[in-house]
């Protein structure tokens, strides 16, 4: 008797979509889990120290950090991912070190990208809903990213600082971004291009990228 062969067609596009959906769920779980951890475990003295440093770096009054929701969001994300604590670690690094046994493989993989993430200077080409098309001044490439949980308060033509994260096959903007006021763009770009020539420019941006918030568009009148 002739044996019939069975053929199974794999829907690769469906598999790809399911994998991406899984990674994006992991992003949401990791992000929310981390900020819940921050709420419960942040030392008050550490946060006071961080606010003073943030105020010094950005020239923004501490009262504004505590009362302005937009400035507060910038502070929280800088404190979470860039600020170095008195013990020499970043809050996200401490979280992963303590909670790695509770994190899934997908969440741990994303954590590596979170640790490398820094404020990146880009030129915005197009804004459609929560999606932006941009050119990075560091990599000299055009790309597309979607804002994660925040609205893109930016417009086409703006010089913008934002944190871009690789999430599977797409890029996400983590936390709020900020545009540079027009009269400061030339000055900031000169500094950025000079910084690009150094070998450790990404480390420097992680440490000092928030300093450019002092030139945030709309921070002063007529900007």
N, C-alpha and C. Protein backbone atom coordinates (compact mmCIF):
# COMPACT_ATOMS: atom_id res chain seq x y z
N UNK A 1 0.85 -1.20 0.00
CA UNK A 1 0.00 0.00 0.00
C UNK A 1 0.89 1.25 0.00
N UNK A 2 0.58 2.20 -0.87
CA UNK A 2 1.37 3.43 -0.97
C UNK A 2 1.07 4.34 0.20
N UNK A 3 2.14 4.77 0.88
CA UNK A 3 1.97 5.65 2.05
C UNK A 3 1.80 7.10 1.60
N UNK A 4 0.78 7.77 2.09
CA UNK A 4 0.54 9.17 1.75
C UNK A 4 1.41 10.07 2.62
N UNK A 5 1.99 11.03 2.01
CA UNK A 5 2.81 12.00 2.74
C UNK A 5 1.97 13.19 3.15
N UNK A 6 2.23 13.66 4.36
CA UNK A 6 1.52 14.86 4.85
C UNK A 6 2.48 16.04 4.81
N UNK A 7 1.98 17.15 4.37
CA UNK A 7 2.79 18.35 4.30
C UNK A 7 2.17 19.42 5.19
N UNK A 8 3.00 20.03 6.01
CA UNK A 8 2.53 21.08 6.91
C UNK A 8 3.15 22.41 6.47
N UNK A 9 2.33 23.35 6.14
CA UNK A 9 2.81 24.66 5.74
C UNK A 9 2.90 25.55 6.97
N UNK A 10 4.06 26.12 7.19
CA UNK A 10 4.26 27.00 8.34
C UNK A 10 3.99 28.44 7.90
N UNK A 11 3.13 29.09 8.64
CA UNK A 11 2.84 30.50 8.37
C UNK A 11 3.91 31.33 9.08
N UNK A 12 5.02 31.60 8.37
CA UNK A 12 6.14 32.29 8.99
C UNK A 12 5.78 33.70 9.44
N UNK A 13 4.91 34.35 8.69
CA UNK A 13 4.51 35.71 9.06
C UNK A 13 3.74 35.70 10.39
N UNK A 14 2.89 34.70 10.56
CA UNK A 14 2.12 34.58 11.81
C UNK A 14 3.05 34.29 12.99
N UNK A 15 4.03 33.40 12.76
CA UNK A 15 5.00 33.07 13.80
C UNK A 15 5.80 34.32 14.20
N UNK A 16 6.19 35.09 13.20
CA UNK A 16 6.95 36.33 13.44
C UNK A 16 6.12 37.31 14.26
N UNK A 17 4.84 37.45 13.91
CA UNK A 17 3.95 38.37 14.63
C UNK A 17 3.73 37.93 16.07
N UNK A 18 3.58 36.62 16.27
CA UNK A 18 3.37 36.10 17.62
C UNK A 18 4.62 36.30 18.48
N UNK A 19 5.79 36.10 17.87
CA UNK A 19 7.04 36.31 18.59
C UNK A 19 7.20 37.77 18.98
N UNK A 20 6.87 38.67 18.06
CA UNK A 20 6.96 40.11 18.35
C UNK A 20 5.99 40.50 19.45
N UNK A 21 4.78 39.96 19.39
CA UNK A 21 3.76 40.27 20.41
C UNK A 21 4.24 39.81 21.79
N UNK A 22 4.89 38.65 21.82
CA UNK A 22 5.43 38.12 23.08
C UNK A 22 6.51 39.04 23.65
N UNK A 23 7.41 39.51 22.78
CA UNK A 23 8.48 40.41 23.23
C UNK A 23 7.90 41.72 23.75
N UNK A 24 6.87 42.22 23.07
CA UNK A 24 6.28 43.49 23.50
C UNK A 24 5.53 43.34 24.83
N UNK A 25 4.93 42.18 25.06
CA UNK A 25 4.32 41.92 26.38
C UNK A 25 5.39 41.87 27.46
N UNK A 26 6.53 41.28 27.11
CA UNK A 26 7.65 41.21 28.06
C UNK A 26 8.16 42.61 28.38
N UNK A 27 8.20 43.49 27.37
CA UNK A 27 8.61 44.87 27.59
C UNK A 27 7.69 45.55 28.60
N UNK A 28 6.40 45.41 28.40
CA UNK A 28 5.43 46.03 29.31
C UNK A 28 5.58 45.47 30.73
N UNK A 29 5.71 44.15 30.84
CA UNK A 29 5.86 43.52 32.16
C UNK A 29 7.15 43.98 32.86
N UNK A 30 8.24 44.02 32.11
CA UNK A 30 9.53 44.43 32.68
C UNK A 30 9.48 45.88 33.14
N UNK A 31 8.95 46.74 32.30
CA UNK A 31 8.88 48.18 32.59
C UNK A 31 8.02 48.43 33.84
N UNK A 32 6.83 47.84 33.88
CA UNK A 32 5.94 48.07 35.02
C UNK A 32 6.51 47.45 36.30
N UNK A 33 7.09 46.27 36.18
CA UNK A 33 7.69 45.59 37.33
C UNK A 33 8.82 46.43 37.90
N UNK A 34 9.63 47.01 37.03
CA UNK A 34 10.75 47.84 37.46
C UNK A 34 10.29 49.10 38.18
N UNK A 35 9.31 49.80 37.63
CA UNK A 35 8.87 51.04 38.27
C UNK A 35 8.09 50.76 39.56
N UNK A 36 7.45 49.62 39.66
CA UNK A 36 6.85 49.22 40.94
C UNK A 36 7.94 48.97 41.97
N UNK A 37 9.01 48.31 41.54
CA UNK A 37 10.18 48.07 42.41
C UNK A 37 10.76 49.40 42.89
N UNK A 38 10.88 50.36 41.97
CA UNK A 38 11.42 51.67 42.32
C UNK A 38 10.58 52.35 43.40
N UNK A 39 9.26 52.25 43.24
CA UNK A 39 8.36 52.89 44.20
C UNK A 39 8.54 52.31 45.60
N UNK A 40 8.76 51.02 45.66
CA UNK A 40 8.83 50.32 46.95
C UNK A 40 10.21 50.34 47.58
N UNK A 41 11.27 50.44 46.77
CA UNK A 41 12.61 50.24 47.31
C UNK A 41 13.54 51.46 47.24
N UNK A 42 13.07 52.55 46.68
CA UNK A 42 13.94 53.72 46.56
C UNK A 42 14.20 54.36 47.91
N UNK A 43 15.47 54.55 48.20
CA UNK A 43 15.87 55.23 49.43
C UNK A 43 15.57 56.72 49.29
N UNK A 44 14.89 57.30 50.29
CA UNK A 44 14.49 58.71 50.22
C UNK A 44 15.71 59.61 50.09
N UNK A 45 16.76 59.33 50.84
CA UNK A 45 17.97 60.15 50.77
C UNK A 45 18.60 60.09 49.38
N UNK A 46 18.53 58.90 48.77
CA UNK A 46 19.07 58.73 47.42
C UNK A 46 18.31 59.60 46.43
N UNK A 47 16.99 59.63 46.59
CA UNK A 47 16.18 60.42 45.66
C UNK A 47 16.39 61.91 45.87
N UNK A 48 16.57 62.33 47.10
CA UNK A 48 16.85 63.74 47.39
C UNK A 48 18.17 64.13 46.74
N UNK A 49 19.17 63.26 46.89
CA UNK A 49 20.48 63.51 46.27
C UNK A 49 20.34 63.60 44.75
N UNK A 50 19.53 62.70 44.17
CA UNK A 50 19.34 62.68 42.73
C UNK A 50 18.65 63.95 42.24
N UNK A 51 17.67 64.42 42.99
CA UNK A 51 16.96 65.65 42.59
C UNK A 51 17.89 66.85 42.60
N UNK A 52 18.76 66.91 43.56
CA UNK A 52 19.72 68.03 43.63
C UNK A 52 20.67 67.99 42.43
N UNK A 53 21.13 66.78 42.09
CA UNK A 53 22.04 66.64 40.96
C UNK A 53 21.33 66.95 39.64
N UNK A 54 20.10 66.46 39.50
CA UNK A 54 19.30 66.72 38.31
C UNK A 54 19.08 68.22 38.14
N UNK A 55 18.75 68.89 39.23
CA UNK A 55 18.54 70.34 39.20
C UNK A 55 19.80 71.07 38.78
N UNK A 56 20.94 70.63 39.30
CA UNK A 56 22.22 71.24 38.96
C UNK A 56 22.55 71.05 37.47
N UNK A 57 22.29 69.85 36.95
CA UNK A 57 22.64 69.53 35.58
C UNK A 57 21.72 70.21 34.57
N UNK A 58 20.45 70.35 34.91
CA UNK A 58 19.47 70.86 33.95
C UNK A 58 19.09 72.32 34.18
N UNK A 59 19.52 72.88 35.32
CA UNK A 59 19.14 74.26 35.69
C UNK A 59 17.63 74.39 35.90
N UNK A 60 17.02 73.31 36.34
CA UNK A 60 15.58 73.29 36.64
C UNK A 60 15.39 73.24 38.15
N UNK A 61 14.52 74.09 38.65
CA UNK A 61 14.29 74.17 40.09
C UNK A 61 13.72 72.86 40.63
N UNK A 62 14.16 72.46 41.82
CA UNK A 62 13.68 71.22 42.44
C UNK A 62 12.16 71.24 42.60
N UNK A 63 11.58 72.40 42.88
CA UNK A 63 10.13 72.50 43.03
C UNK A 63 9.42 72.10 41.74
N UNK A 64 10.00 72.47 40.60
CA UNK A 64 9.41 72.10 39.31
C UNK A 64 9.49 70.60 39.08
N UNK A 65 10.55 69.96 39.56
CA UNK A 65 10.68 68.51 39.44
C UNK A 65 9.53 67.82 40.17
N UNK A 66 9.15 68.41 41.30
CA UNK A 66 8.13 67.79 42.15
C UNK A 66 6.71 68.16 41.76
N UNK A 67 6.52 69.28 41.02
CA UNK A 67 5.16 69.75 40.72
C UNK A 67 4.80 69.71 39.24
N UNK A 68 5.79 69.69 38.36
CA UNK A 68 5.53 69.68 36.92
C UNK A 68 5.57 68.24 36.42
N UNK A 69 4.44 67.74 35.90
CA UNK A 69 4.36 66.33 35.49
C UNK A 69 5.35 65.97 34.38
N UNK A 70 5.57 66.90 33.45
CA UNK A 70 6.48 66.63 32.34
C UNK A 70 7.91 66.55 32.84
N UNK A 71 8.32 67.56 33.62
CA UNK A 71 9.68 67.55 34.18
C UNK A 71 9.85 66.36 35.11
N UNK A 72 8.81 66.05 35.87
CA UNK A 72 8.85 64.91 36.78
C UNK A 72 9.10 63.60 36.04
N UNK A 73 8.49 63.44 34.86
CA UNK A 73 8.69 62.22 34.06
C UNK A 73 10.12 62.14 33.54
N UNK A 74 10.67 63.29 33.13
CA UNK A 74 12.07 63.30 32.69
C UNK A 74 13.00 62.91 33.84
N UNK A 75 12.71 63.45 35.02
CA UNK A 75 13.53 63.11 36.18
C UNK A 75 13.44 61.61 36.50
N UNK A 76 12.23 61.07 36.54
CA UNK A 76 12.04 59.66 36.92
C UNK A 76 12.79 58.72 35.98
N UNK A 77 12.79 59.01 34.69
CA UNK A 77 13.48 58.14 33.73
C UNK A 77 14.99 58.31 33.80
N UNK A 78 15.44 59.53 34.04
CA UNK A 78 16.88 59.74 34.25
C UNK A 78 17.32 59.02 35.53
N UNK A 79 16.54 59.16 36.59
CA UNK A 79 16.84 58.51 37.86
C UNK A 79 16.84 56.99 37.71
N UNK A 80 15.94 56.49 36.90
CA UNK A 80 15.80 55.04 36.71
C UNK A 80 16.93 54.43 35.90
N UNK A 81 17.34 55.10 34.82
CA UNK A 81 18.25 54.47 33.87
C UNK A 81 19.65 55.07 33.78
N UNK A 82 19.83 56.32 34.20
CA UNK A 82 21.12 56.99 33.98
C UNK A 82 21.84 57.41 35.26
N UNK A 83 21.10 57.78 36.26
CA UNK A 83 21.68 58.25 37.52
C UNK A 83 22.51 57.15 38.19
N UNK A 84 23.67 57.53 38.70
CA UNK A 84 24.54 56.59 39.41
C UNK A 84 24.40 56.81 40.91
N UNK A 85 24.02 55.77 41.64
CA UNK A 85 23.77 55.87 43.08
C UNK A 85 25.06 56.02 43.87
N UNK A 86 24.92 56.22 45.16
CA UNK A 86 26.10 56.39 46.02
C UNK A 86 26.96 55.13 46.07
N UNK A 87 26.37 53.97 45.73
CA UNK A 87 27.15 52.73 45.73
C UNK A 87 27.74 52.44 44.35
N UNK A 88 27.54 53.37 43.40
CA UNK A 88 28.16 53.24 42.09
C UNK A 88 27.40 52.42 41.07
N UNK A 89 26.11 52.19 41.30
CA UNK A 89 25.30 51.44 40.34
C UNK A 89 24.09 52.26 39.91
N UNK A 90 23.49 51.86 38.80
CA UNK A 90 22.25 52.50 38.35
C UNK A 90 21.07 51.72 38.90
N UNK A 91 19.94 52.39 39.06
CA UNK A 91 18.77 51.77 39.67
C UNK A 91 18.32 50.54 38.88
N UNK A 92 18.33 50.63 37.55
CA UNK A 92 17.89 49.48 36.75
C UNK A 92 18.84 48.30 36.93
N UNK A 93 20.14 48.58 37.02
CA UNK A 93 21.12 47.51 37.23
C UNK A 93 20.87 46.82 38.56
N UNK A 94 20.59 47.61 39.60
CA UNK A 94 20.31 47.05 40.92
C UNK A 94 19.06 46.16 40.88
N UNK A 95 18.04 46.63 40.16
CA UNK A 95 16.79 45.88 40.02
C UNK A 95 17.04 44.52 39.37
N UNK A 96 17.77 44.51 38.26
CA UNK A 96 18.03 43.24 37.55
C UNK A 96 18.86 42.30 38.42
N UNK A 97 19.84 42.86 39.11
CA UNK A 97 20.71 42.04 39.97
C UNK A 97 19.88 41.36 41.07
N UNK A 98 18.92 42.10 41.63
CA UNK A 98 18.13 41.57 42.74
C UNK A 98 17.00 40.66 42.28
N UNK A 99 16.41 40.98 41.11
CA UNK A 99 15.19 40.28 40.68
C UNK A 99 15.40 39.34 39.49
N UNK A 100 16.64 39.09 39.10
CA UNK A 100 16.87 38.30 37.88
C UNK A 100 16.24 36.91 37.95
N UNK A 101 16.12 36.36 39.15
CA UNK A 101 15.49 35.05 39.31
C UNK A 101 14.01 35.06 39.01
N UNK A 102 13.39 36.26 39.06
CA UNK A 102 11.96 36.39 38.81
C UNK A 102 11.64 36.79 37.37
N UNK A 103 12.67 37.11 36.60
CA UNK A 103 12.46 37.60 35.24
C UNK A 103 12.54 36.47 34.23
N UNK A 104 11.70 36.54 33.20
CA UNK A 104 11.73 35.54 32.14
C UNK A 104 12.95 35.77 31.25
N UNK A 105 13.26 34.79 30.41
CA UNK A 105 14.40 34.93 29.50
C UNK A 105 14.20 36.14 28.58
N UNK A 106 12.99 36.32 28.09
CA UNK A 106 12.70 37.45 27.22
C UNK A 106 12.92 38.78 27.94
N UNK A 107 12.53 38.84 29.20
CA UNK A 107 12.72 40.06 29.99
C UNK A 107 14.20 40.31 30.26
N UNK A 108 14.95 39.24 30.50
CA UNK A 108 16.39 39.38 30.74
C UNK A 108 17.11 39.85 29.47
N UNK A 109 16.66 39.32 28.33
CA UNK A 109 17.25 39.75 27.06
C UNK A 109 17.01 41.25 26.84
N UNK A 110 15.80 41.71 27.13
CA UNK A 110 15.48 43.14 27.00
C UNK A 110 16.29 43.98 27.98
N UNK A 111 16.56 43.41 29.14
CA UNK A 111 17.30 44.14 30.18
C UNK A 111 18.67 44.58 29.68
N UNK A 112 19.31 43.73 28.87
CA UNK A 112 20.62 44.09 28.32
C UNK A 112 20.54 45.34 27.47
N UNK A 113 19.47 45.47 26.69
CA UNK A 113 19.28 46.66 25.86
C UNK A 113 18.96 47.88 26.73
N UNK A 114 18.19 47.66 27.79
CA UNK A 114 17.87 48.76 28.71
C UNK A 114 19.14 49.34 29.33
N UNK A 115 20.07 48.47 29.68
CA UNK A 115 21.30 48.92 30.33
C UNK A 115 22.16 49.78 29.41
N UNK A 116 22.09 49.51 28.11
CA UNK A 116 22.89 50.25 27.15
C UNK A 116 22.20 51.52 26.65
N UNK A 117 20.91 51.62 26.89
CA UNK A 117 20.11 52.72 26.37
C UNK A 117 20.54 54.07 26.95
N UNK A 118 20.59 55.09 26.10
CA UNK A 118 20.92 56.44 26.57
C UNK A 118 20.13 57.45 25.75
N UNK A 119 20.09 58.69 26.21
CA UNK A 119 19.47 59.74 25.42
C UNK A 119 20.27 59.92 24.14
N UNK A 120 19.59 59.85 23.01
CA UNK A 120 20.26 59.90 21.72
C UNK A 120 19.79 61.12 20.93
N UNK A 121 20.71 61.91 20.38
CA UNK A 121 20.31 63.08 19.59
C UNK A 121 19.88 62.68 18.19
N UNK A 122 18.67 63.08 17.79
CA UNK A 122 18.14 62.72 16.48
C UNK A 122 17.46 63.92 15.84
N UNK A 123 17.30 63.85 14.54
CA UNK A 123 16.53 64.83 13.79
C UNK A 123 15.21 64.17 13.40
N UNK A 124 14.10 64.77 13.77
CA UNK A 124 12.79 64.20 13.46
C UNK A 124 12.40 64.57 12.03
N UNK A 125 12.10 63.55 11.22
CA UNK A 125 11.68 63.78 9.84
C UNK A 125 10.16 63.79 9.69
N UNK A 126 9.50 62.93 10.48
CA UNK A 126 8.05 62.78 10.31
C UNK A 126 7.44 62.26 11.61
N UNK A 127 6.25 62.73 11.93
CA UNK A 127 5.51 62.25 13.09
C UNK A 127 4.12 61.84 12.64
N UNK A 128 3.76 60.57 12.90
CA UNK A 128 2.42 60.06 12.58
C UNK A 128 1.88 59.32 13.78
N UNK A 129 0.96 59.95 14.48
CA UNK A 129 0.44 59.34 15.70
C UNK A 129 1.55 59.20 16.72
N UNK A 130 1.80 57.97 17.18
CA UNK A 130 2.86 57.73 18.16
C UNK A 130 4.16 57.25 17.50
N UNK A 131 4.20 57.31 16.17
CA UNK A 131 5.36 56.83 15.42
C UNK A 131 6.16 58.00 14.85
N UNK A 132 7.49 57.91 14.96
CA UNK A 132 8.35 58.95 14.41
C UNK A 132 9.38 58.33 13.46
N UNK A 133 9.67 59.06 12.39
CA UNK A 133 10.77 58.71 11.50
C UNK A 133 11.88 59.71 11.82
N UNK A 134 13.09 59.21 12.04
CA UNK A 134 14.15 60.08 12.52
C UNK A 134 15.51 59.70 11.93
N UNK A 135 16.44 60.63 12.00
CA UNK A 135 17.84 60.39 11.62
C UNK A 135 18.70 60.58 12.86
N UNK A 136 19.50 59.57 13.18
CA UNK A 136 20.38 59.65 14.34
C UNK A 136 21.68 60.36 13.97
N UNK A 137 22.11 61.30 14.82
CA UNK A 137 23.37 62.00 14.58
C UNK A 137 24.56 61.11 14.92
N UNK A 138 24.36 60.07 15.72
CA UNK A 138 25.45 59.19 16.10
C UNK A 138 25.67 58.07 15.10
N UNK A 139 24.60 57.50 14.58
CA UNK A 139 24.75 56.38 13.65
C UNK A 139 24.56 56.79 12.19
N UNK A 140 24.10 58.02 11.96
CA UNK A 140 23.88 58.55 10.61
C UNK A 140 22.94 57.65 9.80
N UNK A 141 21.91 57.13 10.46
CA UNK A 141 20.94 56.27 9.78
C UNK A 141 19.53 56.80 9.99
N UNK A 142 18.67 56.50 9.04
CA UNK A 142 17.26 56.85 9.16
C UNK A 142 16.51 55.64 9.69
N UNK A 143 15.60 55.86 10.61
CA UNK A 143 14.88 54.73 11.20
C UNK A 143 13.50 55.18 11.66
N UNK A 144 12.72 54.19 12.09
CA UNK A 144 11.36 54.44 12.57
C UNK A 144 11.23 53.86 13.97
N UNK A 145 10.57 54.60 14.85
CA UNK A 145 10.35 54.11 16.21
C UNK A 145 8.97 54.53 16.68
N UNK A 146 8.43 53.75 17.60
CA UNK A 146 7.12 54.05 18.16
C UNK A 146 7.26 54.36 19.64
N UNK A 147 6.62 55.44 20.08
CA UNK A 147 6.69 55.81 21.49
C UNK A 147 5.94 54.79 22.34
N UNK A 148 6.56 54.43 23.45
CA UNK A 148 6.00 53.44 24.37
C UNK A 148 5.44 54.16 25.60
N UNK A 149 4.12 54.17 25.71
CA UNK A 149 3.38 54.74 26.86
C UNK A 149 3.43 56.27 26.96
N UNK A 150 4.21 56.93 26.12
CA UNK A 150 4.27 58.39 26.14
C UNK A 150 3.90 58.94 24.77
N UNK A 151 3.37 60.16 24.75
CA UNK A 151 3.06 60.82 23.48
C UNK A 151 4.31 61.48 22.94
N UNK A 152 4.48 61.47 21.61
CA UNK A 152 5.65 62.12 21.02
C UNK A 152 5.46 63.63 20.95
N UNK A 153 5.85 64.32 21.99
CA UNK A 153 5.68 65.78 22.03
C UNK A 153 6.80 66.44 21.22
N UNK A 154 6.89 66.05 19.96
CA UNK A 154 7.92 66.56 19.06
C UNK A 154 7.29 66.83 17.70
N UNK A 155 7.96 67.62 16.88
CA UNK A 155 7.46 67.92 15.55
C UNK A 155 8.56 67.71 14.52
N UNK A 156 8.17 67.54 13.26
CA UNK A 156 9.13 67.35 12.17
C UNK A 156 10.09 68.54 12.11
N UNK A 157 11.37 68.24 11.96
CA UNK A 157 12.39 69.29 11.91
C UNK A 157 13.08 69.54 13.23
N UNK A 158 12.53 69.01 14.32
CA UNK A 158 13.11 69.23 15.65
C UNK A 158 14.40 68.43 15.85
N UNK A 159 15.32 69.03 16.60
CA UNK A 159 16.46 68.30 17.16
C UNK A 159 15.97 67.75 18.50
N UNK A 160 15.97 66.43 18.63
CA UNK A 160 15.33 65.78 19.77
C UNK A 160 16.30 64.82 20.47
N UNK A 161 16.16 64.74 21.79
CA UNK A 161 16.88 63.73 22.57
C UNK A 161 15.86 62.71 23.06
N UNK A 162 16.11 61.43 22.75
CA UNK A 162 15.17 60.38 23.16
C UNK A 162 15.91 59.06 23.36
N UNK A 163 15.33 58.20 24.17
CA UNK A 163 15.91 56.88 24.45
C UNK A 163 15.26 55.86 23.52
N UNK A 164 16.07 55.23 22.67
CA UNK A 164 15.56 54.27 21.70
C UNK A 164 15.97 52.86 22.12
N UNK A 165 15.00 51.96 22.15
CA UNK A 165 15.24 50.58 22.59
C UNK A 165 14.87 49.60 21.49
N UNK A 166 15.75 48.63 21.21
CA UNK A 166 15.43 47.56 20.27
C UNK A 166 14.52 46.55 20.95
N UNK A 167 13.32 46.38 20.41
CA UNK A 167 12.35 45.43 20.96
C UNK A 167 11.97 44.47 19.85
N UNK A 168 12.68 43.36 19.76
CA UNK A 168 12.45 42.43 18.67
C UNK A 168 12.80 43.07 17.35
N UNK A 169 11.84 43.12 16.45
CA UNK A 169 12.07 43.66 15.11
C UNK A 169 11.71 45.14 14.98
N UNK A 170 11.32 45.76 16.09
CA UNK A 170 10.95 47.18 16.03
C UNK A 170 11.74 47.97 17.08
N UNK A 171 11.65 49.27 16.96
CA UNK A 171 12.29 50.16 17.93
C UNK A 171 11.21 50.90 18.71
N UNK A 172 11.45 51.08 20.01
CA UNK A 172 10.52 51.80 20.87
C UNK A 172 11.26 52.97 21.53
N UNK A 173 10.54 54.08 21.69
CA UNK A 173 11.07 55.21 22.43
C UNK A 173 10.59 55.08 23.87
N UNK A 174 11.55 54.95 24.79
CA UNK A 174 11.23 54.72 26.19
C UNK A 174 11.26 56.04 26.95
N UNK A 175 10.16 56.33 27.63
CA UNK A 175 10.09 57.57 28.40
C UNK A 175 9.84 58.78 27.52
N UNK A 176 9.79 59.96 28.11
CA UNK A 176 9.53 61.19 27.34
C UNK A 176 10.77 61.64 26.57
N UNK A 177 10.54 62.27 25.43
CA UNK A 177 11.61 62.89 24.65
C UNK A 177 11.52 64.40 24.82
N UNK A 178 12.57 65.11 24.43
CA UNK A 178 12.47 66.57 24.47
C UNK A 178 13.16 67.19 23.27
N UNK A 179 12.55 68.26 22.74
CA UNK A 179 13.09 69.00 21.61
C UNK A 179 13.93 70.17 22.12
N UNK A 180 14.96 70.51 21.36
CA UNK A 180 15.83 71.63 21.71
C UNK A 180 15.28 72.92 21.11
N UNK A 181 15.27 73.99 21.88
CA UNK A 181 14.81 75.28 21.37
C UNK A 181 15.67 75.71 20.17
N UNK A 182 15.02 76.33 19.20
CA UNK A 182 15.66 76.64 17.92
C UNK A 182 16.95 77.45 18.07
N UNK A 183 16.95 78.44 18.94
CA UNK A 183 18.12 79.30 19.06
C UNK A 183 19.32 78.61 19.70
N UNK A 184 19.13 77.39 20.21
CA UNK A 184 20.22 76.64 20.83
C UNK A 184 20.66 75.44 19.98
N UNK A 185 19.94 75.16 18.90
CA UNK A 185 20.21 73.96 18.10
C UNK A 185 21.64 73.92 17.57
N UNK A 186 22.12 75.03 17.02
CA UNK A 186 23.47 75.07 16.44
C UNK A 186 24.53 74.76 17.50
N UNK A 187 24.38 75.37 18.66
CA UNK A 187 25.32 75.16 19.76
C UNK A 187 25.33 73.71 20.22
N UNK A 188 24.13 73.14 20.38
CA UNK A 188 24.01 71.75 20.84
C UNK A 188 24.57 70.79 19.78
N UNK A 189 24.27 71.03 18.51
CA UNK A 189 24.78 70.17 17.45
C UNK A 189 26.29 70.17 17.38
N UNK A 190 26.90 71.33 17.59
CA UNK A 190 28.36 71.41 17.60
C UNK A 190 28.94 70.52 18.70
N UNK A 191 28.32 70.56 19.87
CA UNK A 191 28.77 69.73 20.99
C UNK A 191 28.57 68.25 20.68
N UNK A 192 27.42 67.93 20.09
CA UNK A 192 27.11 66.54 19.76
C UNK A 192 28.11 65.98 18.74
N UNK A 193 28.39 66.73 17.69
CA UNK A 193 29.31 66.26 16.66
C UNK A 193 30.74 66.14 17.17
N UNK A 194 31.11 67.03 18.09
CA UNK A 194 32.42 66.94 18.72
C UNK A 194 32.50 65.69 19.60
N UNK A 195 31.42 65.45 20.33
CA UNK A 195 31.35 64.28 21.21
C UNK A 195 31.41 62.99 20.41
N UNK A 196 30.83 63.00 19.22
CA UNK A 196 30.78 61.81 18.37
C UNK A 196 32.18 61.31 18.02
N UNK A 197 33.15 62.20 18.03
CA UNK A 197 34.51 61.84 17.68
C UNK A 197 35.22 61.04 18.78
N UNK A 198 34.69 61.08 19.99
CA UNK A 198 35.31 60.35 21.10
C UNK A 198 34.86 58.90 21.09
N UNK A 199 35.72 58.00 21.58
CA UNK A 199 35.43 56.57 21.56
C UNK A 199 34.29 56.19 22.50
N UNK A 200 34.17 56.90 23.60
CA UNK A 200 33.16 56.54 24.61
C UNK A 200 32.00 57.52 24.62
N UNK A 201 31.60 57.99 23.43
CA UNK A 201 30.55 59.01 23.37
C UNK A 201 29.21 58.51 23.91
N UNK A 202 28.91 57.23 23.73
CA UNK A 202 27.63 56.72 24.23
C UNK A 202 27.61 56.70 25.77
N UNK A 203 28.74 56.38 26.38
CA UNK A 203 28.84 56.42 27.84
C UNK A 203 28.66 57.85 28.34
N UNK A 204 29.28 58.79 27.62
CA UNK A 204 29.15 60.20 28.00
C UNK A 204 27.71 60.68 27.87
N UNK A 205 27.01 60.20 26.83
CA UNK A 205 25.61 60.59 26.66
C UNK A 205 24.75 60.01 27.78
N UNK A 206 25.07 58.81 28.22
CA UNK A 206 24.31 58.21 29.31
C UNK A 206 24.51 59.02 30.59
N UNK A 207 25.72 59.52 30.78
CA UNK A 207 26.04 60.28 31.99
C UNK A 207 25.55 61.73 31.90
N UNK A 208 25.61 62.33 30.70
CA UNK A 208 25.38 63.77 30.59
C UNK A 208 24.29 64.19 29.62
N UNK A 209 23.62 63.24 28.97
CA UNK A 209 22.60 63.59 28.00
C UNK A 209 21.48 64.44 28.57
N UNK A 210 21.15 64.20 29.83
CA UNK A 210 20.05 64.95 30.46
C UNK A 210 20.41 66.42 30.62
N UNK A 211 21.69 66.78 30.56
CA UNK A 211 22.11 68.18 30.70
C UNK A 211 21.43 69.06 29.66
N UNK A 212 21.16 68.51 28.47
CA UNK A 212 20.56 69.30 27.39
C UNK A 212 19.10 69.64 27.64
N UNK A 213 18.52 69.06 28.70
CA UNK A 213 17.14 69.41 29.05
C UNK A 213 17.03 70.89 29.41
N UNK A 214 18.15 71.50 29.78
CA UNK A 214 18.15 72.93 30.10
C UNK A 214 17.79 73.77 28.87
N UNK A 215 17.95 73.17 27.67
CA UNK A 215 17.63 73.87 26.43
C UNK A 215 16.32 73.37 25.81
N UNK A 216 15.49 72.75 26.62
CA UNK A 216 14.23 72.17 26.14
C UNK A 216 13.34 73.23 25.50
N UNK A 217 12.82 72.89 24.33
CA UNK A 217 11.89 73.76 23.63
C UNK A 217 10.66 74.00 24.49
N UNK A 218 10.29 75.28 24.66
CA UNK A 218 9.13 75.60 25.47
C UNK A 218 9.46 75.84 26.93
N UNK A 219 10.71 75.56 27.32
CA UNK A 219 11.11 75.78 28.71
C UNK A 219 11.07 77.26 29.05
N UNK A 220 11.49 78.09 28.08
CA UNK A 220 11.43 79.53 28.25
C UNK A 220 10.42 80.10 27.27
N UNK A 221 10.02 81.30 27.46
CA UNK A 221 9.05 81.94 26.57
C UNK A 221 9.64 82.12 25.18
N UNK A 222 8.77 82.04 24.18
CA UNK A 222 9.16 82.26 22.79
C UNK A 222 10.16 81.20 22.27
N UNK A 223 10.13 79.99 22.84
CA UNK A 223 10.99 78.91 22.34
C UNK A 223 10.13 77.71 21.97
